[in-house]
């Protein structure tokens, strides 16, 4: 395993990892609506000012 600092190019992969983890691991304990609030499918990746 290689550990390194976060790079902006990692963003989409990390979002997908988070989404899939929440919706897979926690699916038996929470409703679909709760999972969607916790980890929505569509996230605005544009930089906020």
PDB file of N, CA and C in Angstrom:
ATOM      1  N   UNK A   1       0.842  -1.159   0.000  1.00  0.00           N
ATOM      2  CA  UNK A   1       0.000   0.000   0.000  1.00  0.00           C
ATOM      3  C   UNK A   1       0.895   1.232   0.000  1.00  0.00           C
ATOM      4  N   UNK A   2       0.523   2.194  -0.806  1.00  0.00           N
ATOM      5  CA  UNK A   2       1.249   3.459  -0.861  1.00  0.00           C
ATOM      6  C   UNK A   2       0.335   4.554  -0.329  1.00  0.00           C
ATOM      7  N   UNK A   3       0.804   5.266   0.679  1.00  0.00           N
ATOM      8  CA  UNK A   3       0.062   6.403   1.216  1.00  0.00           C
ATOM      9  C   UNK A   3       0.663   7.680   0.661  1.00  0.00           C
ATOM     10  N   UNK A   4      -0.204   8.581   0.252  1.00  0.00           N
ATOM     11  CA  UNK A   4       0.264   9.853  -0.272  1.00  0.00           C
ATOM     12  C   UNK A   4      -0.774  10.917   0.034  1.00  0.00           C
ATOM     13  N   UNK A   5      -0.411  12.144  -0.161  1.00  0.00           N
ATOM     14  CA  UNK A   5      -1.335  13.255   0.062  1.00  0.00           C
ATOM     15  C   UNK A   5      -2.424  13.264  -1.003  1.00  0.00           C
ATOM     16  N   UNK A   6      -3.564  13.821  -0.624  1.00  0.00           N
ATOM     17  CA  UNK A   6      -4.692  13.962  -1.549  1.00  0.00           C
ATOM     18  C   UNK A   6      -4.309  14.851  -2.719  1.00  0.00           C
ATOM     19  N   UNK A   7      -4.790  14.475  -3.889  1.00  0.00           N
ATOM     20  CA  UNK A   7      -4.622  15.290  -5.088  1.00  0.00           C
ATOM     21  C   UNK A   7      -6.009  15.518  -5.670  1.00  0.00           C
ATOM     22  N   UNK A   8      -6.227  16.672  -6.256  1.00  0.00           N
ATOM     23  CA  UNK A   8      -7.539  17.031  -6.782  1.00  0.00           C
ATOM     24  C   UNK A   8      -8.060  15.978  -7.759  1.00  0.00           C
ATOM     25  N   UNK A   9      -7.185  15.329  -8.471  1.00  0.00           N
ATOM     26  CA  UNK A   9      -7.619  14.304  -9.432  1.00  0.00           C
ATOM     27  C   UNK A   9      -8.236  13.080  -8.736  1.00  0.00           C
ATOM     28  N   UNK A  10      -8.061  12.963  -7.428  1.00  0.00           N
ATOM     29  CA  UNK A  10      -8.636  11.861  -6.654  1.00  0.00           C
ATOM     30  C   UNK A  10     -10.115  12.070  -6.330  1.00  0.00           C
ATOM     31  N   UNK A  11     -10.601  13.257  -6.526  1.00  0.00           N
ATOM     32  CA  UNK A  11     -11.933  13.640  -6.057  1.00  0.00           C
ATOM     33  C   UNK A  11     -13.034  12.696  -6.536  1.00  0.00           C
ATOM     34  N   UNK A  12     -13.154  12.470  -7.810  1.00  0.00           N
ATOM     35  CA  UNK A  12     -14.240  11.633  -8.333  1.00  0.00           C
ATOM     36  C   UNK A  12     -14.160  10.200  -7.810  1.00  0.00           C
ATOM     37  N   UNK A  13     -12.965   9.665  -7.730  1.00  0.00           N
ATOM     38  CA  UNK A  13     -12.811   8.296  -7.217  1.00  0.00           C
ATOM     39  C   UNK A  13     -13.199   8.211  -5.742  1.00  0.00           C
ATOM     40  N   UNK A  14     -12.843   9.224  -4.968  1.00  0.00           N
ATOM     41  CA  UNK A  14     -13.198   9.224  -3.550  1.00  0.00           C
ATOM     42  C   UNK A  14     -14.700   9.375  -3.353  1.00  0.00           C
ATOM     43  N   UNK A  15     -15.322  10.215  -4.171  1.00  0.00           N
ATOM     44  CA  UNK A  15     -16.774  10.375  -4.091  1.00  0.00           C
ATOM     45  C   UNK A  15     -17.464   9.055  -4.429  1.00  0.00           C
ATOM     46  N   UNK A  16     -17.001   8.382  -5.464  1.00  0.00           N
ATOM     47  CA  UNK A  16     -17.578   7.084  -5.836  1.00  0.00           C
ATOM     48  C   UNK A  16     -17.371   6.046  -4.741  1.00  0.00           C
ATOM     49  N   UNK A  17     -16.197   6.030  -4.148  1.00  0.00           N
ATOM     50  CA  UNK A  17     -15.916   5.103  -3.057  1.00  0.00           C
ATOM     51  C   UNK A  17     -16.858   5.358  -1.880  1.00  0.00           C
ATOM     52  N   UNK A  18     -17.017   6.625  -1.503  1.00  0.00           N
ATOM     53  CA  UNK A  18     -17.902   6.987  -0.398  1.00  0.00           C
ATOM     54  C   UNK A  18     -19.342   6.574  -0.703  1.00  0.00           C
ATOM     55  N   UNK A  19     -19.820   6.940  -1.890  1.00  0.00           N
ATOM     56  CA  UNK A  19     -21.196   6.615  -2.284  1.00  0.00           C
ATOM     57  C   UNK A  19     -21.433   5.101  -2.242  1.00  0.00           C
ATOM     58  N   UNK A  20     -20.560   4.359  -2.883  1.00  0.00           N
ATOM     59  CA  UNK A  20     -20.734   2.903  -2.945  1.00  0.00           C
ATOM     60  C   UNK A  20     -20.633   2.248  -1.575  1.00  0.00           C
ATOM     61  N   UNK A  21     -19.758   2.745  -0.734  1.00  0.00           N
ATOM     62  CA  UNK A  21     -19.628   2.202   0.617  1.00  0.00           C
ATOM     63  C   UNK A  21     -20.895   2.445   1.422  1.00  0.00           C
ATOM     64  N   UNK A  22     -21.377   3.676   1.419  1.00  0.00           N
ATOM     65  CA  UNK A  22     -22.596   4.005   2.170  1.00  0.00           C
ATOM     66  C   UNK A  22     -23.773   3.174   1.670  1.00  0.00           C
ATOM     67  N   UNK A  23     -23.940   3.105   0.357  1.00  0.00           N
ATOM     68  CA  UNK A  23     -25.111   2.431  -0.208  1.00  0.00           C
ATOM     69  C   UNK A  23     -25.005   0.905  -0.193  1.00  0.00           C
ATOM     70  N   UNK A  24     -23.827   0.365   0.018  1.00  0.00           N
ATOM     71  CA  UNK A  24     -23.665  -1.090   0.082  1.00  0.00           C
ATOM     72  C   UNK A  24     -23.624  -1.577   1.528  1.00  0.00           C
ATOM     73  N   UNK A  25     -22.697  -1.045   2.289  1.00  0.00           N
ATOM     74  CA  UNK A  25     -22.487  -1.507   3.661  1.00  0.00           C
ATOM     75  C   UNK A  25     -23.685  -1.190   4.555  1.00  0.00           C
ATOM     76  N   UNK A  26     -24.304  -0.044   4.349  1.00  0.00           N
ATOM     77  CA  UNK A  26     -25.365   0.404   5.251  1.00  0.00           C
ATOM     78  C   UNK A  26     -26.777   0.129   4.743  1.00  0.00           C
ATOM     79  N   UNK A  27     -26.899  -0.518   3.593  1.00  0.00           N
ATOM     80  CA  UNK A  27     -28.210  -0.734   2.974  1.00  0.00           C
ATOM     81  C   UNK A  27     -29.163  -1.546   3.854  1.00  0.00           C
ATOM     82  N   UNK A  28     -28.633  -2.424   4.667  1.00  0.00           N
ATOM     83  CA  UNK A  28     -29.507  -3.254   5.502  1.00  0.00           C
ATOM     84  C   UNK A  28     -30.027  -2.517   6.736  1.00  0.00           C
ATOM     85  N   UNK A  29     -29.399  -1.395   7.074  1.00  0.00           N
ATOM     86  CA  UNK A  29     -29.759  -0.682   8.297  1.00  0.00           C
ATOM     87  C   UNK A  29     -30.509   0.627   8.074  1.00  0.00           C
ATOM     88  N   UNK A  30     -30.535   1.118   6.843  1.00  0.00           N
ATOM     89  CA  UNK A  30     -31.150   2.413   6.550  1.00  0.00           C
ATOM     90  C   UNK A  30     -32.035   2.313   5.318  1.00  0.00           C
ATOM     91  N   UNK A  31     -33.002   3.211   5.220  1.00  0.00           N
ATOM     92  CA  UNK A  31     -33.864   3.247   4.040  1.00  0.00           C
ATOM     93  C   UNK A  31     -33.108   3.875   2.873  1.00  0.00           C
ATOM     94  N   UNK A  32     -33.619   3.673   1.673  1.00  0.00           N
ATOM     95  CA  UNK A  32     -33.012   4.277   0.478  1.00  0.00           C
ATOM     96  C   UNK A  32     -32.983   5.793   0.593  1.00  0.00           C
ATOM     97  N   UNK A  33     -34.061   6.348   1.127  1.00  0.00           N
ATOM     98  CA  UNK A  33     -34.130   7.805   1.295  1.00  0.00           C
ATOM     99  C   UNK A  33     -33.029   8.297   2.239  1.00  0.00           C
ATOM    100  N   UNK A  34     -32.820   7.616   3.335  1.00  0.00           N
ATOM    101  CA  UNK A  34     -31.768   8.000   4.276  1.00  0.00           C
ATOM    102  C   UNK A  34     -30.388   7.900   3.625  1.00  0.00           C
ATOM    103  N   UNK A  35     -30.159   6.831   2.883  1.00  0.00           N
ATOM    104  CA  UNK A  35     -28.871   6.658   2.210  1.00  0.00           C
ATOM    105  C   UNK A  35     -28.637   7.758   1.180  1.00  0.00           C
ATOM    106  N   UNK A  36     -29.691   8.145   0.456  1.00  0.00           N
ATOM    107  CA  UNK A  36     -29.562   9.198  -0.555  1.00  0.00           C
ATOM    108  C   UNK A  36     -29.255  10.561   0.060  1.00  0.00           C
ATOM    109  N   UNK A  37     -29.777  10.812   1.256  1.00  0.00           N
ATOM    110  CA  UNK A  37     -29.459  12.070   1.947  1.00  0.00           C
ATOM    111  C   UNK A  37     -28.018  12.037   2.438  1.00  0.00           C
ATOM    112  N   UNK A  38     -27.621  10.914   2.972  1.00  0.00           N
ATOM    113  CA  UNK A  38     -26.275  10.739   3.508  1.00  0.00           C
ATOM    114  C   UNK A  38     -25.236  10.780   2.392  1.00  0.00           C
ATOM    115  N   UNK A  39     -25.523  10.106   1.294  1.00  0.00           N
ATOM    116  CA  UNK A  39     -24.579  10.022   0.176  1.00  0.00           C
ATOM    117  C   UNK A  39     -25.357  10.145  -1.137  1.00  0.00           C
ATOM    118  N   UNK A  40     -25.616  11.381  -1.569  1.00  0.00           N
ATOM    119  CA  UNK A  40     -26.380  11.574  -2.802  1.00  0.00           C
ATOM    120  C   UNK A  40     -25.610  11.103  -4.033  1.00  0.00           C
ATOM    121  N   UNK A  41     -26.346  10.678  -5.054  1.00  0.00           N
ATOM    122  CA  UNK A  41     -25.726  10.177  -6.282  1.00  0.00           C
ATOM    123  C   UNK A  41     -25.044  11.296  -7.065  1.00  0.00           C
ATOM    124  N   UNK A  42     -25.707  12.421  -7.171  1.00  0.00           N
ATOM    125  CA  UNK A  42     -25.166  13.537  -7.959  1.00  0.00           C
ATOM    126  C   UNK A  42     -24.663  14.637  -7.040  1.00  0.00           C
ATOM    127  N   UNK A  43     -23.379  14.880  -7.107  1.00  0.00           N
ATOM    128  CA  UNK A  43     -22.746  15.913  -6.290  1.00  0.00           C
ATOM    129  C   UNK A  43     -22.148  16.954  -7.221  1.00  0.00           C
ATOM    130  N   UNK A  44     -22.389  18.212  -6.904  1.00  0.00           N
ATOM    131  CA  UNK A  44     -21.846  19.311  -7.702  1.00  0.00           C
ATOM    132  C   UNK A  44     -20.364  19.473  -7.358  1.00  0.00           C
ATOM    133  N   UNK A  45     -19.506  19.191  -8.321  1.00  0.00           N
ATOM    134  CA  UNK A  45     -18.063  19.249  -8.088  1.00  0.00           C
ATOM    135  C   UNK A  45     -17.449  20.601  -8.449  1.00  0.00           C
ATOM    136  N   UNK A  46     -18.290  21.528  -8.872  1.00  0.00           N
ATOM    137  CA  UNK A  46     -17.747  22.849  -9.210  1.00  0.00           C
ATOM    138  C   UNK A  46     -17.275  23.561  -7.951  1.00  0.00           C
ATOM    139  N   UNK A  47     -16.208  24.298  -8.094  1.00  0.00           N
ATOM    140  CA  UNK A  47     -15.629  25.022  -6.965  1.00  0.00           C
ATOM    141  C   UNK A  47     -16.564  26.140  -6.532  1.00  0.00           C
ATOM    142  N   UNK A  48     -16.806  26.221  -5.248  1.00  0.00           N
ATOM    143  CA  UNK A  48     -17.643  27.280  -4.675  1.00  0.00           C
ATOM    144  C   UNK A  48     -16.752  28.448  -4.279  1.00  0.00           C
ATOM    145  N   UNK A  49     -17.264  29.628  -4.483  1.00  0.00           N
ATOM    146  CA  UNK A  49     -16.481  30.809  -4.083  1.00  0.00           C
ATOM    147  C   UNK A  49     -17.150  31.543  -2.968  1.00  0.00           C
TER     148      UNK A  49
END
